[in-house]
Amino acid sequence: MILNGNGSYSPDEEYFKLHKKDQLLEIAMACGASIGKQFSKLKRKDLIAELVKYYANNEPLKNEHQEQLKQSYCPRLMQFEAEKSEA
Protein backbone atom coordinates (compact mmCIF):
# COMPACT_ATOMS: atom_id res chain seq x y z
CA MET A 1 0.00 0.00 0.00
CA ILE A 2 1.22 3.46 -0.90
CA LEU A 3 0.39 6.64 1.02
CA ASN A 4 -0.86 9.21 -1.48
CA GLY A 5 -0.34 12.95 -1.23
CA ASN A 6 -3.96 13.36 -0.11
CA GLY A 7 -3.42 11.16 2.96
CA SER A 8 -5.17 8.09 1.57
CA TYR A 9 -3.68 4.73 0.71
CA SER A 10 -3.81 2.96 -2.63
CA PRO A 11 -2.86 -0.61 -3.42
CA ASP A 12 0.49 -1.31 -5.09
CA GLU A 13 2.03 -4.33 -6.80
CA GLU A 14 3.23 -5.87 -3.53
CA TYR A 15 -0.30 -5.70 -2.14
CA PHE A 16 -1.79 -7.36 -5.21
CA LYS A 17 0.84 -10.12 -5.18
CA LEU A 18 -0.52 -11.24 -1.80
CA HIS A 19 -3.77 -12.37 -3.41
CA LYS A 20 -4.97 -15.34 -5.42
CA LYS A 21 -6.58 -14.76 -8.82
CA ASP A 22 -10.14 -15.11 -7.50
CA GLN A 23 -9.39 -12.52 -4.82
CA LEU A 24 -7.87 -10.18 -7.42
CA LEU A 25 -11.02 -10.47 -9.49
CA GLU A 26 -13.09 -9.49 -6.43
CA ILE A 27 -10.80 -6.51 -5.84
CA ALA A 28 -11.10 -5.49 -9.50
CA MET A 29 -14.88 -5.49 -9.18
CA ALA A 30 -14.89 -3.64 -5.85
CA CYS A 31 -12.57 -0.85 -7.02
CA GLY A 32 -14.16 -0.47 -10.47
CA ALA A 33 -11.12 -1.61 -12.45
CA SER A 34 -13.12 -4.38 -14.13
CA ILE A 35 -15.74 -2.03 -15.63
CA GLY A 36 -15.71 -2.64 -19.36
CA LYS A 37 -12.91 -5.22 -19.12
CA GLN A 38 -12.66 -9.01 -19.43
CA PHE A 39 -10.33 -9.56 -16.45
CA SER A 40 -11.54 -13.13 -15.87
CA LYS A 41 -9.68 -14.16 -19.04
CA LEU A 42 -6.34 -12.78 -17.82
CA LYS A 43 -3.63 -14.76 -16.11
CA ARG A 44 -2.88 -13.75 -12.51
CA LYS A 45 0.33 -11.92 -13.47
CA ASP A 46 -1.44 -9.92 -16.18
CA LEU A 47 -4.33 -9.14 -13.83
CA ILE A 48 -1.87 -7.74 -11.28
CA ALA A 49 -0.27 -5.60 -14.00
CA GLU A 50 -3.69 -4.21 -14.99
CA LEU A 51 -4.58 -3.36 -11.38
CA VAL A 52 -1.20 -1.67 -10.83
CA LYS A 53 -1.72 0.35 -14.03
CA TYR A 54 -5.26 1.26 -12.91
CA TYR A 55 -3.98 2.73 -9.64
CA ALA A 56 -0.88 4.33 -11.20
CA ASN A 57 -3.14 6.51 -13.36
CA ASN A 58 -3.64 9.74 -11.41
CA GLU A 59 -5.94 11.31 -13.99
CA PRO A 60 -9.62 11.35 -12.97
CA LEU A 61 -11.61 8.68 -14.80
CA LYS A 62 -14.32 9.77 -17.24
CA ASN A 63 -16.83 7.45 -15.59
CA GLU A 64 -17.70 9.22 -12.32
CA HIS A 65 -19.09 6.07 -10.70
CA GLN A 66 -15.88 4.19 -11.52
CA GLU A 67 -13.76 7.05 -10.16
CA GLN A 68 -15.77 6.98 -6.93
CA LEU A 69 -15.22 3.21 -6.61
CA LYS A 70 -11.50 3.64 -7.23
CA GLN A 71 -11.14 6.39 -4.63
CA SER A 72 -13.27 4.68 -2.01
CA TYR A 73 -11.79 1.16 -2.30
CA CYS A 74 -10.65 0.00 1.11
CA PRO A 75 -9.07 -3.44 1.56
CA ARG A 76 -10.80 -5.68 4.07
CA LEU A 77 -7.58 -5.67 6.07
CA MET A 78 -8.08 -1.96 6.73
CA GLN A 79 -11.79 -2.19 7.54
CA PHE A 80 -12.61 -2.37 11.20
CA GLU A 81 -15.08 -0.99 13.64
CA ALA A 82 -13.47 1.38 16.08
CA GLU A 83 -14.53 0.74 19.65
CA LYS A 84 -15.13 3.56 22.07
CA SER A 85 -12.28 3.82 24.51
CA GLU A 86 -13.12 3.72 28.21
CA ALA A 87 -10.49 6.07 29.65
PDB file of N, CA and C in Angstrom:
ATOM      1  N   MET A   1       0.856  -1.172   0.000  1.00  0.00           N
ATOM      2  CA  MET A   1       0.000   0.000   0.000  1.00  0.00           C
ATOM      3  C   MET A   1       0.903   1.236   0.000  1.00  0.00           C
ATOM      4  N   ILE A   2       0.478   2.217  -0.766  1.00  0.00           N
ATOM      5  CA  ILE A   2       1.222   3.458  -0.903  1.00  0.00           C
ATOM      6  C   ILE A   2       0.401   4.586  -0.286  1.00  0.00           C
ATOM      7  N   LEU A   3       1.053   5.454   0.486  1.00  0.00           N
ATOM      8  CA  LEU A   3       0.391   6.639   1.024  1.00  0.00           C
ATOM      9  C   LEU A   3       0.419   7.723  -0.043  1.00  0.00           C
ATOM     10  N   ASN A   4      -0.750   8.166  -0.459  1.00  0.00           N
ATOM     11  CA  ASN A   4      -0.864   9.209  -1.481  1.00  0.00           C
ATOM     12  C   ASN A   4      -0.706  10.581  -0.851  1.00  0.00           C
ATOM     13  N   GLY A   5      -0.501  11.572  -1.699  1.00  0.00           N
ATOM     14  CA  GLY A   5      -0.344  12.951  -1.234  1.00  0.00           C
ATOM     15  C   GLY A   5      -1.560  13.480  -0.505  1.00  0.00           C
ATOM     16  N   ASN A   6      -2.741  12.882  -0.759  1.00  0.00           N
ATOM     17  CA  ASN A   6      -3.958  13.364  -0.107  1.00  0.00           C
ATOM     18  C   ASN A   6      -4.237  12.645   1.215  1.00  0.00           C
ATOM     19  N   GLY A   7      -3.276  11.836   1.673  1.00  0.00           N
ATOM     20  CA  GLY A   7      -3.422  11.161   2.957  1.00  0.00           C
ATOM     21  C   GLY A   7      -4.138   9.830   2.897  1.00  0.00           C
ATOM     22  N   SER A   8      -4.508   9.383   1.698  1.00  0.00           N
ATOM     23  CA  SER A   8      -5.168   8.087   1.565  1.00  0.00           C
ATOM     24  C   SER A   8      -4.168   7.056   1.045  1.00  0.00           C
ATOM     25  N   TYR A   9      -4.537   5.811   1.175  1.00  0.00           N
ATOM     26  CA  TYR A   9      -3.684   4.732   0.705  1.00  0.00           C
ATOM     27  C   TYR A   9      -4.245   4.144  -0.573  1.00  0.00           C
ATOM     28  N   SER A  10      -3.360   3.694  -1.450  1.00  0.00           N
ATOM     29  CA  SER A  10      -3.813   2.963  -2.630  1.00  0.00           C
ATOM     30  C   SER A  10      -2.967   1.705  -2.756  1.00  0.00           C
ATOM     31  N   PRO A  11      -3.557   0.658  -3.294  1.00  0.00           N
ATOM     32  CA  PRO A  11      -2.859  -0.609  -3.419  1.00  0.00           C
ATOM     33  C   PRO A  11      -1.708  -0.510  -4.429  1.00  0.00           C
ATOM     34  N   ASP A  12      -0.634  -1.255  -4.173  1.00  0.00           N
ATOM     35  CA  ASP A  12       0.487  -1.314  -5.094  1.00  0.00           C
ATOM     36  C   ASP A  12       0.736  -2.769  -5.502  1.00  0.00           C
ATOM     37  N   GLU A  13       1.753  -2.990  -6.296  1.00  0.00           N
ATOM     38  CA  GLU A  13       2.034  -4.326  -6.805  1.00  0.00           C
ATOM     39  C   GLU A  13       2.247  -5.343  -5.682  1.00  0.00           C
ATOM     40  N   GLU A  14       2.965  -4.954  -4.650  1.00  0.00           N
ATOM     41  CA  GLU A  14       3.226  -5.873  -3.533  1.00  0.00           C
ATOM     42  C   GLU A  14       1.926  -6.299  -2.852  1.00  0.00           C
ATOM     43  N   TYR A  15       1.005  -5.382  -2.719  1.00  0.00           N
ATOM     44  CA  TYR A  15      -0.297  -5.704  -2.137  1.00  0.00           C
ATOM     45  C   TYR A  15      -1.030  -6.715  -3.008  1.00  0.00           C
ATOM     46  N   PHE A  16      -1.079  -6.458  -4.312  1.00  0.00           N
ATOM     47  CA  PHE A  16      -1.795  -7.356  -5.207  1.00  0.00           C
ATOM     48  C   PHE A  16      -1.167  -8.748  -5.263  1.00  0.00           C
ATOM     49  N   LYS A  17       0.148  -8.829  -5.139  1.00  0.00           N
ATOM     50  CA  LYS A  17       0.837 -10.124  -5.180  1.00  0.00           C
ATOM     51  C   LYS A  17       0.467 -11.022  -4.006  1.00  0.00           C
ATOM     52  N   LEU A  18      -0.108 -10.468  -2.970  1.00  0.00           N
ATOM     53  CA  LEU A  18      -0.518 -11.240  -1.796  1.00  0.00           C
ATOM     54  C   LEU A  18      -1.802 -12.028  -2.028  1.00  0.00           C
ATOM     55  N   HIS A  19      -2.452 -11.804  -3.163  1.00  0.00           N
ATOM     56  CA  HIS A  19      -3.773 -12.371  -3.405  1.00  0.00           C
ATOM     57  C   HIS A  19      -3.789 -13.411  -4.511  1.00  0.00           C
ATOM     58  N   LYS A  20      -4.727 -14.345  -4.388  1.00  0.00           N
ATOM     59  CA  LYS A  20      -4.973 -15.337  -5.424  1.00  0.00           C
ATOM     60  C   LYS A  20      -5.799 -14.685  -6.521  1.00  0.00           C
ATOM     61  N   LYS A  21      -5.877 -15.344  -7.679  1.00  0.00           N
ATOM     62  CA  LYS A  21      -6.582 -14.762  -8.817  1.00  0.00           C
ATOM     63  C   LYS A  21      -8.040 -14.452  -8.491  1.00  0.00           C
ATOM     64  N   ASP A  22      -8.738 -15.373  -7.815  1.00  0.00           N
ATOM     65  CA  ASP A  22     -10.145 -15.111  -7.505  1.00  0.00           C
ATOM     66  C   ASP A  22     -10.299 -13.892  -6.592  1.00  0.00           C
ATOM     67  N   GLN A  23      -9.352 -13.695  -5.686  1.00  0.00           N
ATOM     68  CA  GLN A  23      -9.392 -12.522  -4.816  1.00  0.00           C
ATOM     69  C   GLN A  23      -9.108 -11.248  -5.615  1.00  0.00           C
ATOM     70  N   LEU A  24      -8.184 -11.333  -6.571  1.00  0.00           N
ATOM     71  CA  LEU A  24      -7.867 -10.183  -7.415  1.00  0.00           C
ATOM     72  C   LEU A  24      -9.073  -9.775  -8.252  1.00  0.00           C
ATOM     73  N   LEU A  25      -9.819 -10.767  -8.725  1.00  0.00           N
ATOM     74  CA  LEU A  25     -11.022 -10.470  -9.495  1.00  0.00           C
ATOM     75  C   LEU A  25     -12.062  -9.761  -8.627  1.00  0.00           C
ATOM     76  N   GLU A  26     -12.178 -10.168  -7.367  1.00  0.00           N
ATOM     77  CA  GLU A  26     -13.090  -9.494  -6.435  1.00  0.00           C
ATOM     78  C   GLU A  26     -12.649  -8.054  -6.193  1.00  0.00           C
ATOM     79  N   ILE A  27     -11.341  -7.858  -6.034  1.00  0.00           N
ATOM     80  CA  ILE A  27     -10.803  -6.512  -5.836  1.00  0.00           C
ATOM     81  C   ILE A  27     -11.093  -5.655  -7.062  1.00  0.00           C
ATOM     82  N   ALA A  28     -10.859  -6.217  -8.256  1.00  0.00           N
ATOM     83  CA  ALA A  28     -11.097  -5.486  -9.502  1.00  0.00           C
ATOM     84  C   ALA A  28     -12.546  -5.035  -9.610  1.00  0.00           C
ATOM     85  N   MET A  29     -13.461  -5.861  -9.160  1.00  0.00           N
ATOM     86  CA  MET A  29     -14.878  -5.488  -9.179  1.00  0.00           C
ATOM     87  C   MET A  29     -15.160  -4.407  -8.145  1.00  0.00           C
ATOM     88  N   ALA A  30     -14.614  -4.573  -6.943  1.00  0.00           N
ATOM     89  CA  ALA A  30     -14.891  -3.638  -5.852  1.00  0.00           C
ATOM     90  C   ALA A  30     -14.339  -2.242  -6.120  1.00  0.00           C
ATOM     91  N   CYS A  31     -13.194  -2.158  -6.795  1.00  0.00           N
ATOM     92  CA  CYS A  31     -12.568  -0.849  -7.023  1.00  0.00           C
ATOM     93  C   CYS A  31     -12.930  -0.257  -8.381  1.00  0.00           C
ATOM     94  N   GLY A  32     -13.713  -0.987  -9.178  1.00  0.00           N
ATOM     95  CA  GLY A  32     -14.164  -0.465 -10.465  1.00  0.00           C
ATOM     96  C   GLY A  32     -13.229  -0.742 -11.627  1.00  0.00           C
ATOM     97  N   ALA A  33     -12.087  -1.363 -11.383  1.00  0.00           N
ATOM     98  CA  ALA A  33     -11.117  -1.613 -12.454  1.00  0.00           C
ATOM     99  C   ALA A  33     -11.661  -2.545 -13.527  1.00  0.00           C
ATOM    100  N   SER A  34     -12.608  -3.391 -13.181  1.00  0.00           N
ATOM    101  CA  SER A  34     -13.117  -4.382 -14.133  1.00  0.00           C
ATOM    102  C   SER A  34     -14.231  -3.846 -15.035  1.00  0.00           C
ATOM    103  N   ILE A  35     -14.664  -2.596 -14.805  1.00  0.00           N
ATOM    104  CA  ILE A  35     -15.738  -2.032 -15.626  1.00  0.00           C
ATOM    105  C   ILE A  35     -15.279  -1.955 -17.078  1.00  0.00           C
ATOM    106  N   GLY A  36     -16.014  -2.637 -17.935  1.00  0.00           N
ATOM    107  CA  GLY A  36     -15.706  -2.638 -19.362  1.00  0.00           C
ATOM    108  C   GLY A  36     -14.539  -3.521 -19.755  1.00  0.00           C
ATOM    109  N   LYS A  37     -14.071  -4.363 -18.858  1.00  0.00           N
ATOM    110  CA  LYS A  37     -12.910  -5.220 -19.120  1.00  0.00           C
ATOM    111  C   LYS A  37     -13.286  -6.688 -18.968  1.00  0.00           C
ATOM    112  N   GLN A  38     -12.489  -7.565 -19.540  1.00  0.00           N
ATOM    113  CA  GLN A  38     -12.660  -9.015 -19.431  1.00  0.00           C
ATOM    114  C   GLN A  38     -11.526  -9.592 -18.571  1.00  0.00           C
ATOM    115  N   PHE A  39     -11.429  -9.148 -17.320  1.00  0.00           N
ATOM    116  CA  PHE A  39     -10.335  -9.565 -16.452  1.00  0.00           C
ATOM    117  C   PHE A  39     -10.331 -11.057 -16.159  1.00  0.00           C
ATOM    118  N   SER A  40     -11.481 -11.695 -16.207  1.00  0.00           N
ATOM    119  CA  SER A  40     -11.538 -13.126 -15.875  1.00  0.00           C
ATOM    120  C   SER A  40     -10.717 -13.967 -16.851  1.00  0.00           C
ATOM    121  N   LYS A  41     -10.449 -13.434 -18.039  1.00  0.00           N
ATOM    122  CA  LYS A  41      -9.676 -14.164 -19.041  1.00  0.00           C
ATOM    123  C   LYS A  41      -8.165 -13.986 -18.865  1.00  0.00           C
ATOM    124  N   LEU A  42      -7.761 -13.043 -18.020  1.00  0.00           N
ATOM    125  CA  LEU A  42      -6.340 -12.775 -17.821  1.00  0.00           C
ATOM    126  C   LEU A  42      -5.688 -13.771 -16.873  1.00  0.00           C
ATOM    127  N   LYS A  43      -4.401 -13.981 -17.065  1.00  0.00           N
ATOM    128  CA  LYS A  43      -3.626 -14.756 -16.106  1.00  0.00           C
ATOM    129  C   LYS A  43      -3.378 -13.870 -14.901  1.00  0.00           C
ATOM    130  N   ARG A  44      -3.076 -14.482 -13.762  1.00  0.00           N
ATOM    131  CA  ARG A  44      -2.883 -13.747 -12.510  1.00  0.00           C
ATOM    132  C   ARG A  44      -1.860 -12.619 -12.677  1.00  0.00           C
ATOM    133  N   LYS A  45      -0.732 -12.917 -13.289  1.00  0.00           N
ATOM    134  CA  LYS A  45       0.334 -11.925 -13.467  1.00  0.00           C
ATOM    135  C   LYS A  45      -0.163 -10.724 -14.278  1.00  0.00           C
ATOM    136  N   ASP A  46      -0.909 -11.000 -15.341  1.00  0.00           N
ATOM    137  CA  ASP A  46      -1.444  -9.922 -16.175  1.00  0.00           C
ATOM    138  C   ASP A  46      -2.530  -9.124 -15.451  1.00  0.00           C
ATOM    139  N   LEU A  47      -3.295  -9.798 -14.625  1.00  0.00           N
ATOM    140  CA  LEU A  47      -4.326  -9.141 -13.826  1.00  0.00           C
ATOM    141  C   LEU A  47      -3.683  -8.171 -12.830  1.00  0.00           C
ATOM    142  N   ILE A  48      -2.601  -8.612 -12.205  1.00  0.00           N
ATOM    143  CA  ILE A  48      -1.867  -7.741 -11.276  1.00  0.00           C
ATOM    144  C   ILE A  48      -1.354  -6.514 -12.014  1.00  0.00           C
ATOM    145  N   ALA A  49      -0.793  -6.716 -13.203  1.00  0.00           N
ATOM    146  CA  ALA A  49      -0.273  -5.596 -13.997  1.00  0.00           C
ATOM    147  C   ALA A  49      -1.382  -4.601 -14.333  1.00  0.00           C
ATOM    148  N   GLU A  50      -2.565  -5.094 -14.675  1.00  0.00           N
ATOM    149  CA  GLU A  50      -3.695  -4.210 -14.995  1.00  0.00           C
ATOM    150  C   GLU A  50      -4.139  -3.416 -13.765  1.00  0.00           C
ATOM    151  N   LEU A  51      -4.175  -4.054 -12.607  1.00  0.00           N
ATOM    152  CA  LEU A  51      -4.576  -3.358 -11.380  1.00  0.00           C
ATOM    153  C   LEU A  51      -3.543  -2.311 -10.978  1.00  0.00           C
ATOM    154  N   VAL A  52      -2.268  -2.640 -11.132  1.00  0.00           N
ATOM    155  CA  VAL A  52      -1.203  -1.670 -10.834  1.00  0.00           C
ATOM    156  C   VAL A  52      -1.335  -0.468 -11.762  1.00  0.00           C
ATOM    157  N   LYS A  53      -1.558  -0.722 -13.038  1.00  0.00           N
ATOM    158  CA  LYS A  53      -1.719   0.354 -14.025  1.00  0.00           C
ATOM    159  C   LYS A  53      -2.948   1.206 -13.693  1.00  0.00           C
ATOM    160  N   TYR A  54      -4.023   0.562 -13.270  1.00  0.00           N
ATOM    161  CA  TYR A  54      -5.257   1.264 -12.908  1.00  0.00           C
ATOM    162  C   TYR A  54      -4.993   2.268 -11.786  1.00  0.00           C
ATOM    163  N   TYR A  55      -4.257   1.842 -10.765  1.00  0.00           N
ATOM    164  CA  TYR A  55      -3.983   2.731  -9.638  1.00  0.00           C
ATOM    165  C   TYR A  55      -2.840   3.702  -9.898  1.00  0.00           C
ATOM    166  N   ALA A  56      -1.975   3.409 -10.867  1.00  0.00           N
ATOM    167  CA  ALA A  56      -0.880   4.326 -11.204  1.00  0.00           C
ATOM    168  C   ALA A  56      -1.390   5.542 -11.970  1.00  0.00           C
ATOM    169  N   ASN A  57      -2.552   5.412 -12.609  1.00  0.00           N
ATOM    170  CA  ASN A  57      -3.142   6.514 -13.362  1.00  0.00           C
ATOM    171  C   ASN A  57      -3.746   7.523 -12.379  1.00  0.00           C
ATOM    172  N   ASN A  58      -3.161   8.704 -12.336  1.00  0.00           N
ATOM    173  CA  ASN A  58      -3.641   9.739 -11.414  1.00  0.00           C
ATOM    174  C   ASN A  58      -4.680  10.658 -12.026  1.00  0.00           C
ATOM    175  N   GLU A  59      -4.930  10.502 -13.323  1.00  0.00           N
ATOM    176  CA  GLU A  59      -5.938  11.312 -13.995  1.00  0.00           C
ATOM    177  C   GLU A  59      -7.332  10.843 -13.579  1.00  0.00           C
ATOM    178  N   PRO A  60      -8.253  11.763 -13.309  1.00  0.00           N
ATOM    179  CA  PRO A  60      -9.623  11.348 -12.973  1.00  0.00           C
ATOM    180  C   PRO A  60     -10.240  10.550 -14.124  1.00  0.00           C
ATOM    181  N   LEU A  61     -10.958   9.507 -13.796  1.00  0.00           N
ATOM    182  CA  LEU A  61     -11.607   8.677 -14.804  1.00  0.00           C
ATOM    183  C   LEU A  61     -12.834   9.390 -15.350  1.00  0.00           C
ATOM    184  N   LYS A  62     -13.165   9.136 -16.607  1.00  0.00           N
ATOM    185  CA  LYS A  62     -14.322   9.772 -17.237  1.00  0.00           C
ATOM    186  C   LYS A  62     -15.627   9.280 -16.623  1.00  0.00           C
ATOM    187  N   ASN A  63     -15.656   8.029 -16.221  1.00  0.00           N
ATOM    188  CA  ASN A  63     -16.831   7.448 -15.591  1.00  0.00           C
ATOM    189  C   ASN A  63     -16.804   7.832 -14.103  1.00  0.00           C
ATOM    190  N   GLU A  64     -17.704   8.718 -13.699  1.00  0.00           N
ATOM    191  CA  GLU A  64     -17.703   9.223 -12.316  1.00  0.00           C
ATOM    192  C   GLU A  64     -17.943   8.122 -11.290  1.00  0.00           C
ATOM    193  N   HIS A  65     -18.826   7.186 -11.621  1.00  0.00           N
ATOM    194  CA  HIS A  65     -19.087   6.068 -10.700  1.00  0.00           C
ATOM    195  C   HIS A  65     -17.825   5.236 -10.515  1.00  0.00           C
ATOM    196  N   GLN A  66     -17.119   4.966 -11.593  1.00  0.00           N
ATOM    197  CA  GLN A  66     -15.885   4.188 -11.520  1.00  0.00           C
ATOM    198  C   GLN A  66     -14.824   4.942 -10.711  1.00  0.00           C
ATOM    199  N   GLU A  67     -14.716   6.239 -10.911  1.00  0.00           N
ATOM    200  CA  GLU A  67     -13.761   7.049 -10.160  1.00  0.00           C
ATOM    201  C   GLU A  67     -14.080   7.002  -8.669  1.00  0.00           C
ATOM    202  N   GLN A  68     -15.364   7.053  -8.338  1.00  0.00           N
ATOM    203  CA  GLN A  68     -15.765   6.982  -6.933  1.00  0.00           C
ATOM    204  C   GLN A  68     -15.397   5.626  -6.333  1.00  0.00           C
ATOM    205  N   LEU A  69     -15.603   4.548  -7.091  1.00  0.00           N
ATOM    206  CA  LEU A  69     -15.217   3.212  -6.613  1.00  0.00           C
ATOM    207  C   LEU A  69     -13.718   3.122  -6.398  1.00  0.00           C
ATOM    208  N   LYS A  70     -12.962   3.678  -7.328  1.00  0.00           N
ATOM    209  CA  LYS A  70     -11.497   3.644  -7.229  1.00  0.00           C
ATOM    210  C   LYS A  70     -11.026   4.382  -5.981  1.00  0.00           C
ATOM    211  N   GLN A  71     -11.576   5.568  -5.760  1.00  0.00           N
ATOM    212  CA  GLN A  71     -11.143   6.391  -4.631  1.00  0.00           C
ATOM    213  C   GLN A  71     -11.620   5.854  -3.282  1.00  0.00           C
ATOM    214  N   SER A  72     -12.722   5.142  -3.283  1.00  0.00           N
ATOM    215  CA  SER A  72     -13.271   4.677  -2.009  1.00  0.00           C
ATOM    216  C   SER A  72     -12.884   3.240  -1.667  1.00  0.00           C
ATOM    217  N   TYR A  73     -12.161   2.553  -2.573  1.00  0.00           N
ATOM    218  CA  TYR A  73     -11.794   1.164  -2.298  1.00  0.00           C
ATOM    219  C   TYR A  73     -10.956   1.090  -1.025  1.00  0.00           C
ATOM    220  N   CYS A  74     -11.362   0.220  -0.153  1.00  0.00           N
ATOM    221  CA  CYS A  74     -10.650   0.004   1.106  1.00  0.00           C
ATOM    222  C   CYS A  74     -10.497  -1.494   1.320  1.00  0.00           C
ATOM    223  N   PRO A  75      -9.267  -2.002   1.343  1.00  0.00           N
ATOM    224  CA  PRO A  75      -9.069  -3.440   1.557  1.00  0.00           C
ATOM    225  C   PRO A  75      -9.702  -3.898   2.861  1.00  0.00           C
ATOM    226  N   ARG A  76     -10.180  -5.133   2.853  1.00  0.00           N
ATOM    227  CA  ARG A  76     -10.796  -5.682   4.072  1.00  0.00           C
ATOM    228  C   ARG A  76      -9.869  -5.585   5.269  1.00  0.00           C
ATOM    229  N   LEU A  77      -8.573  -5.735   5.006  1.00  0.00           N
ATOM    230  CA  LEU A  77      -7.585  -5.671   6.068  1.00  0.00           C
ATOM    231  C   LEU A  77      -7.650  -4.348   6.830  1.00  0.00           C
ATOM    232  N   MET A  78      -8.038  -3.284   6.110  1.00  0.00           N
ATOM    233  CA  MET A  78      -8.078  -1.965   6.728  1.00  0.00           C
ATOM    234  C   MET A  78      -9.465  -1.582   7.218  1.00  0.00           C
ATOM    235  N   GLN A  79     -10.427  -2.474   7.097  1.00  0.00           N
ATOM    236  CA  GLN A  79     -11.786  -2.193   7.540  1.00  0.00           C
ATOM    237  C   GLN A  79     -11.978  -2.762   8.944  1.00  0.00           C
ATOM    238  N   PHE A  80     -12.337  -1.933   9.848  1.00  0.00           N
ATOM    239  CA  PHE A  80     -12.610  -2.371  11.203  1.00  0.00           C
ATOM    240  C   PHE A  80     -13.550  -1.388  11.866  1.00  0.00           C
ATOM    241  N   GLU A  81     -14.202  -1.866  12.865  1.00  0.00           N
ATOM    242  CA  GLU A  81     -15.079  -0.994  13.637  1.00  0.00           C
ATOM    243  C   GLU A  81     -14.295  -0.496  14.840  1.00  0.00           C
ATOM    244  N   ALA A  82     -14.166   0.784  14.942  1.00  0.00           N
ATOM    245  CA  ALA A  82     -13.467   1.377  16.079  1.00  0.00           C
ATOM    246  C   ALA A  82     -14.356   1.268  17.312  1.00  0.00           C
ATOM    247  N   GLU A  83     -13.766   0.856  18.402  1.00  0.00           N
ATOM    248  CA  GLU A  83     -14.525   0.742  19.651  1.00  0.00           C
ATOM    249  C   GLU A  83     -14.261   1.978  20.504  1.00  0.00           C
ATOM    250  N   LYS A  84     -15.275   2.387  21.195  1.00  0.00           N
ATOM    251  CA  LYS A  84     -15.132   3.557  22.070  1.00  0.00           C
ATOM    252  C   LYS A  84     -14.209   3.188  23.223  1.00  0.00           C
ATOM    253  N   SER A  85     -13.259   4.047  23.459  1.00  0.00           N
ATOM    254  CA  SER A  85     -12.282   3.818  24.512  1.00  0.00           C
ATOM    255  C   SER A  85     -12.868   4.242  25.859  1.00  0.00           C
ATOM    256  N   GLU A  86     -12.679   3.410  26.840  1.00  0.00           N
ATOM    257  CA  GLU A  86     -13.116   3.725  28.214  1.00  0.00           C
ATOM    258  C   GLU A  86     -11.910   4.217  28.979  1.00  0.00           C
ATOM    259  N   ALA A  87     -11.685   5.525  28.980  1.00  0.00           N
ATOM    260  CA  ALA A  87     -10.494   6.070  29.646  1.00  0.00           C
ATOM    261  C   ALA A  87     -10.851   6.725  30.941  1.00  0.00           C
TER     262      ALA A  87
END
